[in-house]
Amino acid sequence: MSRYAANLTYLFTELPMPQRFAAARRAGFEGIEILFPYDLTVKELSTCARDAGLEFILMSTPPPNWAGGPRGFAAEPGNEARFRKDFDRALMFAQGLHARHIHVMAGKAQGARAHQTLVENLRWATARAPHASLTIEPVCAADDPEAFLTCFDQAAGIIAEVAAPNLGLQFDTYQAHRIHGDIMAVWERHGHLVRHIQIAGSHDDEPFHDSICTAEFIRAVEASGYRGWVGAEYKPSTAITSEGLNWMHQRPMLGH
């Protein structure tokens, strides 16, 4: 039985957010992600998820008053107080939504001081919420030149340095492809650290139509013992999301 979650920040955007839940369920998804769920209340979001029969899997840490500003502050020296205040507010959302994972966004920074800031903030956050599953995700420097976390080896080193049982890696196939080229090699090296997977094609579009996210990859994931969710986080190539969902009927199955 598959465990695929629709990222409602990118999918079904032709609909208002409350209507995207039911559309995701009709398409065959069992869970949802929303990167920044702060435009609606916890009660509204919980009701939408419950009515659609969907589990809330992932959200990110930018604050509820985020409105087009910077995304993430965890690695930014001098923004420690803001990060911690915003983390507490995000944690309140996550607890109310019963979200499985909170993605802690590193933000835009460079250098040794940024590294230490991120490590210290993650140590604080993992201790602050020992019951919560936190993730960090590398992003491609070519797409975001100012981003701090831009390599899976770098992320693995930070996870080892923080050494908290509730911190893991968020594995995005598009980012792994853009950063390292060979997602299978990245998975073989770091799959044991992964708490959540996100999939997309090589152009950040529908998965399973090209060589970066394949049945071979899903088989490797399953063979590894991974029992988490797979988030569909991509930019639909069609104006109506459902018109590009053929991959849902052809996708490899991931066991519980």
C-alpha atoms as a PDB file:
ATOM      1  CA  MET A   1       0.000   0.000   0.000  1.00  0.00           C
ATOM      2  CA  SER A   2       1.398   3.350  -1.022  1.00  0.00           C
ATOM      3  CA  ARG A   3       2.233   6.168   1.342  1.00  0.00           C
ATOM      4  CA  TYR A   4       2.277   9.243  -0.866  1.00  0.00           C
ATOM      5  CA  ALA A   5       1.525  12.779   0.316  1.00  0.00           C
ATOM      6  CA  ALA A   6       0.513  15.699  -1.905  1.00  0.00           C
ATOM      7  CA  ASN A   7       2.373  18.934  -1.338  1.00  0.00           C
ATOM      8  CA  LEU A   8      -0.511  21.394  -1.399  1.00  0.00           C
ATOM      9  CA  THR A   9       1.812  24.370  -1.668  1.00  0.00           C
ATOM     10  CA  TYR A  10       2.525  23.282  -5.256  1.00  0.00           C
ATOM     11  CA  LEU A  11      -0.267  20.903  -6.239  1.00  0.00           C
ATOM     12  CA  PHE A  12      -3.895  21.824  -6.942  1.00  0.00           C
ATOM     13  CA  THR A  13      -3.087  25.540  -6.797  1.00  0.00           C
ATOM     14  CA  GLU A  14      -5.910  26.162  -9.261  1.00  0.00           C
ATOM     15  CA  LEU A  15      -8.135  25.693  -6.188  1.00  0.00           C
ATOM     16  CA  PRO A  16      -8.341  27.647  -2.933  1.00  0.00           C
ATOM     17  CA  MET A  17      -6.324  25.933  -0.195  1.00  0.00           C
ATOM     18  CA  PRO A  18      -9.335  24.450   1.657  1.00  0.00           C
ATOM     19  CA  GLN A  19     -10.489  22.709  -1.537  1.00  0.00           C
ATOM     20  CA  ARG A  20      -7.061  21.212  -2.278  1.00  0.00           C
ATOM     21  CA  PHE A  21      -7.459  18.625   0.486  1.00  0.00           C
ATOM     22  CA  ALA A  22     -10.451  16.901  -1.071  1.00  0.00           C
ATOM     23  CA  ALA A  23      -8.842  17.111  -4.526  1.00  0.00           C
ATOM     24  CA  ALA A  24      -5.727  15.374  -3.174  1.00  0.00           C
ATOM     25  CA  ARG A  25      -7.806  12.623  -1.639  1.00  0.00           C
ATOM     26  CA  ARG A  26      -9.740  12.094  -4.875  1.00  0.00           C
ATOM     27  CA  ALA A  27      -6.416  11.758  -6.686  1.00  0.00           C
ATOM     28  CA  GLY A  28      -5.386   8.924  -4.380  1.00  0.00           C
ATOM     29  CA  PHE A  29      -3.097  10.664  -1.895  1.00  0.00           C
ATOM     30  CA  GLU A  30      -3.263   9.588   1.745  1.00  0.00           C
ATOM     31  CA  GLY A  31      -1.372  12.490   3.289  1.00  0.00           C
ATOM     32  CA  ILE A  32      -0.493  16.126   2.635  1.00  0.00           C
ATOM     33  CA  GLU A  33       2.355  18.570   3.070  1.00  0.00           C
ATOM     34  CA  ILE A  34       2.010  22.336   3.296  1.00  0.00           C
ATOM     35  CA  LEU A  35       5.267  24.250   3.434  1.00  0.00           C
ATOM     36  CA  PHE A  36       3.820  27.376   5.018  1.00  0.00           C
ATOM     37  CA  PRO A  37       0.354  26.639   6.437  1.00  0.00           C
ATOM     38  CA  TYR A  38       0.055  29.916   8.291  1.00  0.00           C
ATOM     39  CA  ASP A  39      -2.568  31.657   6.157  1.00  0.00           C
ATOM     40  CA  LEU A  40      -5.298  29.486   7.701  1.00  0.00           C
ATOM     41  CA  THR A  41      -5.950  28.627  11.326  1.00  0.00           C
ATOM     42  CA  VAL A  42      -5.046  25.302  12.882  1.00  0.00           C
ATOM     43  CA  LYS A  43      -8.745  24.588  13.306  1.00  0.00           C
ATOM     44  CA  GLU A  44      -9.495  25.247   9.613  1.00  0.00           C
ATOM     45  CA  LEU A  45      -6.585  23.106   8.450  1.00  0.00           C
ATOM     46  CA  SER A  46      -7.381  20.285  10.856  1.00  0.00           C
ATOM     47  CA  THR A  47     -11.002  20.258   9.716  1.00  0.00           C
ATOM     48  CA  CYS A  48      -9.995  20.130   6.046  1.00  0.00           C
ATOM     49  CA  ALA A  49      -7.593  17.254   6.660  1.00  0.00           C
ATOM     50  CA  ARG A  50     -10.053  15.319   8.806  1.00  0.00           C
ATOM     51  CA  ASP A  51     -12.940  15.764   6.383  1.00  0.00           C
ATOM     52  CA  ALA A  52     -10.747  14.551   3.504  1.00  0.00           C
ATOM     53  CA  GLY A  53      -9.326  11.646   5.494  1.00  0.00           C
ATOM     54  CA  LEU A  54      -5.739  12.857   5.090  1.00  0.00           C
ATOM     55  CA  GLU A  55      -2.793  12.798   7.472  1.00  0.00           C
ATOM     56  CA  PHE A  56      -0.706  15.957   7.873  1.00  0.00           C
ATOM     57  CA  ILE A  57       2.890  14.941   7.178  1.00  0.00           C
ATOM     58  CA  LEU A  58       5.158  17.984   6.829  1.00  0.00           C
ATOM     59  CA  MET A  59       5.384  21.718   7.355  1.00  0.00           C
ATOM     60  CA  SER A  60       8.241  24.235   7.541  1.00  0.00           C
ATOM     61  CA  THR A  61       9.421  26.689  10.173  1.00  0.00           C
ATOM     62  CA  PRO A  62       8.942  30.198   8.747  1.00  0.00           C
ATOM     63  CA  PRO A  63       6.688  32.160  11.062  1.00  0.00           C
ATOM     64  CA  PRO A  64       2.909  32.558  10.821  1.00  0.00           C
ATOM     65  CA  ASN A  65       3.350  36.201   9.798  1.00  0.00           C
ATOM     66  CA  TRP A  66       5.595  35.261   6.866  1.00  0.00           C
ATOM     67  CA  ALA A  67       4.371  37.123   3.787  1.00  0.00           C
ATOM     68  CA  GLY A  68       6.917  36.884   1.019  1.00  0.00           C
ATOM     69  CA  GLY A  69       9.903  37.627   3.231  1.00  0.00           C
ATOM     70  CA  PRO A  70      12.993  35.525   3.974  1.00  0.00           C
ATOM     71  CA  ARG A  71      12.451  31.786   4.360  1.00  0.00           C
ATOM     72  CA  GLY A  72      14.269  30.373   7.359  1.00  0.00           C
ATOM     73  CA  PHE A  73      16.702  31.840   9.875  1.00  0.00           C
ATOM     74  CA  ALA A  74      18.282  28.843  11.586  1.00  0.00           C
ATOM     75  CA  ALA A  75      21.795  29.489  10.193  1.00  0.00           C
ATOM     76  CA  GLU A  76      21.710  33.281  10.299  1.00  0.00           C
ATOM     77  CA  PRO A  77      24.025  34.785  12.952  1.00  0.00           C
ATOM     78  CA  GLY A  78      22.249  37.504  14.892  1.00  0.00           C
ATOM     79  CA  ASN A  79      18.803  36.052  14.229  1.00  0.00           C
ATOM     80  CA  GLU A  80      18.892  33.455  17.003  1.00  0.00           C
ATOM     81  CA  ALA A  81      16.131  35.128  19.017  1.00  0.00           C
ATOM     82  CA  ARG A  82      13.892  35.409  15.975  1.00  0.00           C
ATOM     83  CA  PHE A  83      14.502  31.789  15.006  1.00  0.00           C
ATOM     84  CA  ARG A  84      13.619  30.548  18.488  1.00  0.00           C
ATOM     85  CA  LYS A  85      10.506  32.665  18.758  1.00  0.00           C
ATOM     86  CA  ASP A  86       9.353  31.568  15.309  1.00  0.00           C
ATOM     87  CA  PHE A  87      10.174  27.925  16.028  1.00  0.00           C
ATOM     88  CA  ASP A  88       7.897  28.001  19.069  1.00  0.00           C
ATOM     89  CA  ARG A  89       5.068  29.437  16.982  1.00  0.00           C
ATOM     90  CA  ALA A  90       5.627  26.876  14.219  1.00  0.00           C
ATOM     91  CA  LEU A  91       5.753  24.114  16.824  1.00  0.00           C
ATOM     92  CA  MET A  92       2.368  25.200  18.111  1.00  0.00           C
ATOM     93  CA  PHE A  93       0.959  24.829  14.573  1.00  0.00           C
ATOM     94  CA  ALA A  94       2.600  21.449  14.099  1.00  0.00           C
ATOM     95  CA  GLN A  95       1.257  20.116  17.369  1.00  0.00           C
ATOM     96  CA  GLY A  96      -2.254  21.298  16.572  1.00  0.00           C
ATOM     97  CA  LEU A  97      -2.090  19.680  13.132  1.00  0.00           C
ATOM     98  CA  HIS A  98      -0.408  16.483  14.391  1.00  0.00           C
ATOM     99  CA  ALA A  99       2.215  17.026  11.701  1.00  0.00           C
ATOM    100  CA  ARG A 100       4.752  14.210  11.537  1.00  0.00           C
ATOM    101  CA  HIS A 101       7.739  16.401  10.624  1.00  0.00           C
ATOM    102  CA  ILE A 102       8.864  19.996  10.928  1.00  0.00           C
ATOM    103  CA  HIS A 103      11.349  21.105   8.282  1.00  0.00           C
ATOM    104  CA  VAL A 104      13.804  23.567   9.839  1.00  0.00           C
ATOM    105  CA  MET A 105      14.929  25.951   7.111  1.00  0.00           C
ATOM    106  CA  ALA A 106      18.523  27.115   7.399  1.00  0.00           C
ATOM    107  CA  GLY A 107      18.128  30.344   5.467  1.00  0.00           C
ATOM    108  CA  LYS A 108      20.717  32.515   3.711  1.00  0.00           C
ATOM    109  CA  ALA A 109      24.154  32.667   5.317  1.00  0.00           C
ATOM    110  CA  GLN A 110      27.762  31.670   4.733  1.00  0.00           C
ATOM    111  CA  GLY A 111      30.836  30.644   6.675  1.00  0.00           C
ATOM    112  CA  ALA A 112      31.914  29.075   9.937  1.00  0.00           C
ATOM    113  CA  ARG A 113      29.800  31.351  12.095  1.00  0.00           C
ATOM    114  CA  ALA A 114      26.672  30.373  10.171  1.00  0.00           C
ATOM    115  CA  HIS A 115      27.574  26.699  10.631  1.00  0.00           C
ATOM    116  CA  GLN A 116      27.887  27.132  14.371  1.00  0.00           C
ATOM    117  CA  THR A 117      24.662  29.150  14.522  1.00  0.00           C
ATOM    118  CA  LEU A 118      22.765  26.379  12.755  1.00  0.00           C
ATOM    119  CA  VAL A 119      24.217  23.680  15.003  1.00  0.00           C
ATOM    120  CA  GLU A 120      23.379  25.633  18.162  1.00  0.00           C
ATOM    121  CA  ASN A 121      19.859  26.449  16.982  1.00  0.00           C
ATOM    122  CA  LEU A 122      19.216  22.811  16.057  1.00  0.00           C
ATOM    123  CA  ARG A 123      20.512  21.636  19.434  1.00  0.00           C
ATOM    124  CA  TRP A 124      18.151  24.090  21.077  1.00  0.00           C
ATOM    125  CA  ALA A 125      15.185  23.088  18.885  1.00  0.00           C
ATOM    126  CA  THR A 126      15.668  19.332  19.288  1.00  0.00           C
ATOM    127  CA  ALA A 127      15.866  19.757  23.055  1.00  0.00           C
ATOM    128  CA  ARG A 128      12.915  22.158  23.046  1.00  0.00           C
ATOM    129  CA  ALA A 129      10.713  19.641  21.224  1.00  0.00           C
ATOM    130  CA  PRO A 130      12.103  16.149  21.947  1.00  0.00           C
ATOM    131  CA  HIS A 131       8.772  14.619  20.896  1.00  0.00           C
ATOM    132  CA  ALA A 132       8.886  16.273  17.435  1.00  0.00           C
ATOM    133  CA  SER A 133      10.623  14.968  14.316  1.00  0.00           C
ATOM    134  CA  LEU A 134      12.767  17.718  12.779  1.00  0.00           C
ATOM    135  CA  THR A 135      14.369  17.646   9.336  1.00  0.00           C
ATOM    136  CA  ILE A 136      16.919  19.677   7.403  1.00  0.00           C
ATOM    137  CA  GLU A 137      17.109  19.741   3.589  1.00  0.00           C
ATOM    138  CA  PRO A 138      19.991  20.755   1.320  1.00  0.00           C
ATOM    139  CA  VAL A 139      19.041  22.977  -1.620  1.00  0.00           C
ATOM    140  CA  CYS A 140      20.881  23.552  -4.871  1.00  0.00           C
ATOM    141  CA  ALA A 141      23.210  26.566  -4.768  1.00  0.00           C
ATOM    142  CA  ALA A 142      22.573  27.211  -8.458  1.00  0.00           C
ATOM    143  CA  ASP A 143      18.899  27.766  -7.624  1.00  0.00           C
ATOM    144  CA  ASP A 144      19.535  29.633  -4.362  1.00  0.00           C
ATOM    145  CA  PRO A 145      23.086  31.084  -4.378  1.00  0.00           C
ATOM    146  CA  GLU A 146      22.846  32.569  -0.880  1.00  0.00           C
ATOM    147  CA  ALA A 147      21.539  29.427   0.815  1.00  0.00           C
ATOM    148  CA  PHE A 148      23.686  27.979   3.577  1.00  0.00           C
ATOM    149  CA  LEU A 149      22.770  24.295   3.377  1.00  0.00           C
ATOM    150  CA  THR A 150      23.719  23.205  -0.150  1.00  0.00           C
ATOM    151  CA  CYS A 151      25.201  19.692   0.121  1.00  0.00           C
ATOM    152  CA  PHE A 152      23.989  16.361   1.488  1.00  0.00           C
ATOM    153  CA  ASP A 153      27.423  15.623   2.988  1.00  0.00           C
ATOM    154  CA  GLN A 154      27.233  18.988   4.763  1.00  0.00           C
ATOM    155  CA  ALA A 155      23.763  18.151   6.096  1.00  0.00           C
ATOM    156  CA  ALA A 156      24.918  14.722   7.282  1.00  0.00           C
ATOM    157  CA  GLY A 157      27.831  16.318   9.130  1.00  0.00           C
ATOM    158  CA  ILE A 158      25.512  18.777  10.870  1.00  0.00           C
ATOM    159  CA  ILE A 159      23.140  15.984  11.900  1.00  0.00           C
ATOM    160  CA  ALA A 160      26.111  14.086  13.374  1.00  0.00           C
ATOM    161  CA  GLU A 161      27.341  17.188  15.195  1.00  0.00           C
ATOM    162  CA  VAL A 162      23.929  17.988  16.687  1.00  0.00           C
ATOM    163  CA  ALA A 163      23.609  14.300  17.658  1.00  0.00           C
ATOM    164  CA  ALA A 164      19.914  14.461  18.528  1.00  0.00           C
ATOM    165  CA  PRO A 165      17.663  11.419  17.981  1.00  0.00           C
ATOM    166  CA  ASN A 166      14.815  13.571  16.666  1.00  0.00           C
ATOM    167  CA  LEU A 167      16.802  15.270  13.868  1.00  0.00           C
ATOM    168  CA  GLY A 168      17.091  13.713  10.419  1.00  0.00           C
ATOM    169  CA  LEU A 169      17.518  14.372   6.727  1.00  0.00           C
ATOM    170  CA  GLN A 170      14.864  15.441   4.239  1.00  0.00           C
ATOM    171  CA  PHE A 171      15.694  13.785   0.910  1.00  0.00           C
ATOM    172  CA  ASP A 172      14.375  15.652  -2.121  1.00  0.00           C
ATOM    173  CA  THR A 173      15.116  13.850  -5.393  1.00  0.00           C
ATOM    174  CA  TYR A 174      15.154  17.078  -7.402  1.00  0.00           C
ATOM    175  CA  GLN A 175      17.654  18.689  -5.016  1.00  0.00           C
ATOM    176  CA  ALA A 176      19.801  15.534  -4.858  1.00  0.00           C
ATOM    177  CA  HIS A 177      19.882  15.445  -8.656  1.00  0.00           C
ATOM    178  CA  ARG A 178      20.697  19.137  -8.998  1.00  0.00           C
ATOM    179  CA  ILE A 179      23.398  19.070  -6.312  1.00  0.00           C
ATOM    180  CA  HIS A 180      25.086  15.709  -6.858  1.00  0.00           C
ATOM    181  CA  GLY A 181      23.755  14.303 -10.140  1.00  0.00           C
ATOM    182  CA  ASP A 182      23.281  10.698  -9.016  1.00  0.00           C
ATOM    183  CA  ILE A 183      20.396  10.334  -6.554  1.00  0.00           C
ATOM    184  CA  MET A 184      21.068   6.615  -6.077  1.00  0.00           C
ATOM    185  CA  ALA A 185      24.605   7.352  -4.880  1.00  0.00           C
ATOM    186  CA  VAL A 186      23.295  10.029  -2.495  1.00  0.00           C
ATOM    187  CA  TRP A 187      20.665   7.628  -1.168  1.00  0.00           C
ATOM    188  CA  GLU A 188      23.217   4.848  -0.649  1.00  0.00           C
ATOM    189  CA  ARG A 189      25.446   7.233   1.306  1.00  0.00           C
ATOM    190  CA  HIS A 190      22.830   9.024   3.398  1.00  0.00           C
ATOM    191  CA  GLY A 191      19.590   7.028   3.239  1.00  0.00           C
ATOM    192  CA  HIS A 192      20.002   5.856   6.834  1.00  0.00           C
ATOM    193  CA  LEU A 193      19.556   9.471   7.989  1.00  0.00           C
ATOM    194  CA  VAL A 194      16.361  10.131   6.021  1.00  0.00           C
ATOM    195  CA  ARG A 195      13.089  10.857   7.828  1.00  0.00           C
ATOM    196  CA  HIS A 196      11.111  12.144   4.851  1.00  0.00           C
ATOM    197  CA  ILE A 197      11.373  11.846   1.054  1.00  0.00           C
ATOM    198  CA  GLN A 198      10.127  14.272  -1.580  1.00  0.00           C
ATOM    199  CA  ILE A 199       9.987  13.425  -5.277  1.00  0.00           C
ATOM    200  CA  ALA A 200       9.963  15.369  -8.534  1.00  0.00           C
ATOM    201  CA  GLY A 201      11.281  15.116 -12.067  1.00  0.00           C
ATOM    202  CA  SER A 202      14.522  16.619 -13.327  1.00  0.00           C
ATOM    203  CA  HIS A 203      12.785  19.896 -14.208  1.00  0.00           C
ATOM    204  CA  ASP A 204      11.007  20.065 -10.838  1.00  0.00           C
ATOM    205  CA  ASP A 205       7.962  18.618 -12.605  1.00  0.00           C
ATOM    206  CA  GLU A 206       6.061  15.323 -12.438  1.00  0.00           C
ATOM    207  CA  PRO A 207       8.096  12.337 -11.136  1.00  0.00           C
ATOM    208  CA  PHE A 208       8.739   8.972 -12.787  1.00  0.00           C
ATOM    209  CA  HIS A 209       8.911  10.305 -16.358  1.00  0.00           C
ATOM    210  CA  ASP A 210      12.703  10.603 -16.555  1.00  0.00           C
ATOM    211  CA  SER A 211      15.844   9.085 -15.112  1.00  0.00           C
ATOM    212  CA  ILE A 212      16.161  10.804 -11.735  1.00  0.00           C
ATOM    213  CA  CYS A 213      13.225   9.357  -9.799  1.00  0.00           C
ATOM    214  CA  THR A 214      12.665   5.798 -10.898  1.00  0.00           C
ATOM    215  CA  ALA A 215      11.264   2.454  -9.825  1.00  0.00           C
ATOM    216  CA  GLU A 216      14.854   1.476  -9.029  1.00  0.00           C
ATOM    217  CA  PHE A 217      15.067   4.310  -6.520  1.00  0.00           C
ATOM    218  CA  ILE A 218      11.778   3.348  -4.850  1.00  0.00           C
ATOM    219  CA  ARG A 219      12.921  -0.280  -4.656  1.00  0.00           C
ATOM    220  CA  ALA A 220      16.144   0.865  -2.982  1.00  0.00           C
ATOM    221  CA  VAL A 221      14.131   2.944  -0.531  1.00  0.00           C
ATOM    222  CA  GLU A 222      11.961  -0.006   0.367  1.00  0.00           C
ATOM    223  CA  ALA A 223      14.912  -2.381   0.657  1.00  0.00           C
ATOM    224  CA  SER A 224      16.549   0.032   3.089  1.00  0.00           C
ATOM    225  CA  GLY A 225      13.724  -0.436   5.582  1.00  0.00           C
ATOM    226  CA  TYR A 226      12.391   3.124   5.158  1.00  0.00           C
ATOM    227  CA  ARG A 227       8.807   3.255   6.415  1.00  0.00           C
ATOM    228  CA  GLY A 228       8.127   6.957   6.114  1.00  0.00           C
ATOM    229  CA  TRP A 229       6.117   8.932   3.583  1.00  0.00           C
ATOM    230  CA  VAL A 230       6.945  10.079   0.060  1.00  0.00           C
ATOM    231  CA  GLY A 231       5.890  13.654  -0.626  1.00  0.00           C
ATOM    232  CA  ALA A 232       4.963  14.731  -4.157  1.00  0.00           C
ATOM    233  CA  GLU A 233       6.589  18.169  -4.211  1.00  0.00           C
ATOM    234  CA  TYR A 234       6.800  19.408  -7.772  1.00  0.00           C
ATOM    235  CA  LYS A 235       5.504  22.110 -10.097  1.00  0.00           C
ATOM    236  CA  PRO A 236       2.752  20.652 -12.297  1.00  0.00           C
ATOM    237  CA  SER A 237       3.376  20.951 -16.030  1.00  0.00           C
ATOM    238  CA  THR A 238      -0.357  21.434 -16.604  1.00  0.00           C
ATOM    239  CA  ALA A 239      -2.657  24.225 -15.447  1.00  0.00           C
ATOM    240  CA  ILE A 240      -4.988  21.654 -13.889  1.00  0.00           C
ATOM    241  CA  THR A 241      -3.011  19.409 -11.550  1.00  0.00           C
ATOM    242  CA  SER A 242      -5.213  16.365 -12.074  1.00  0.00           C
ATOM    243  CA  GLU A 243      -4.384  16.380 -15.816  1.00  0.00           C
ATOM    244  CA  GLY A 244      -0.763  15.559 -14.992  1.00  0.00           C
ATOM    245  CA  LEU A 245      -1.396  12.816 -12.430  1.00  0.00           C
ATOM    246  CA  ASN A 246      -0.913   9.818 -14.702  1.00  0.00           C
ATOM    247  CA  TRP A 247       2.223   9.075 -12.715  1.00  0.00           C
ATOM    248  CA  MET A 248       0.003   8.275  -9.710  1.00  0.00           C
ATOM    249  CA  HIS A 249      -1.357   5.233 -11.546  1.00  0.00           C
ATOM    250  CA  GLN A 250       2.079   4.144 -12.745  1.00  0.00           C
ATOM    251  CA  ARG A 251       4.102   4.848  -9.597  1.00  0.00           C
ATOM    252  CA  PRO A 252       5.992   2.106  -7.794  1.00  0.00           C
ATOM    253  CA  MET A 253       4.356   1.000  -4.575  1.00  0.00           C
ATOM    254  CA  LEU A 254       6.022   1.613  -1.246  1.00  0.00           C
ATOM    255  CA  GLY A 255       5.125  -0.795   1.525  1.00  0.00           C
ATOM    256  CA  HIS A 256       4.159   0.212   5.049  1.00  0.00           C
END
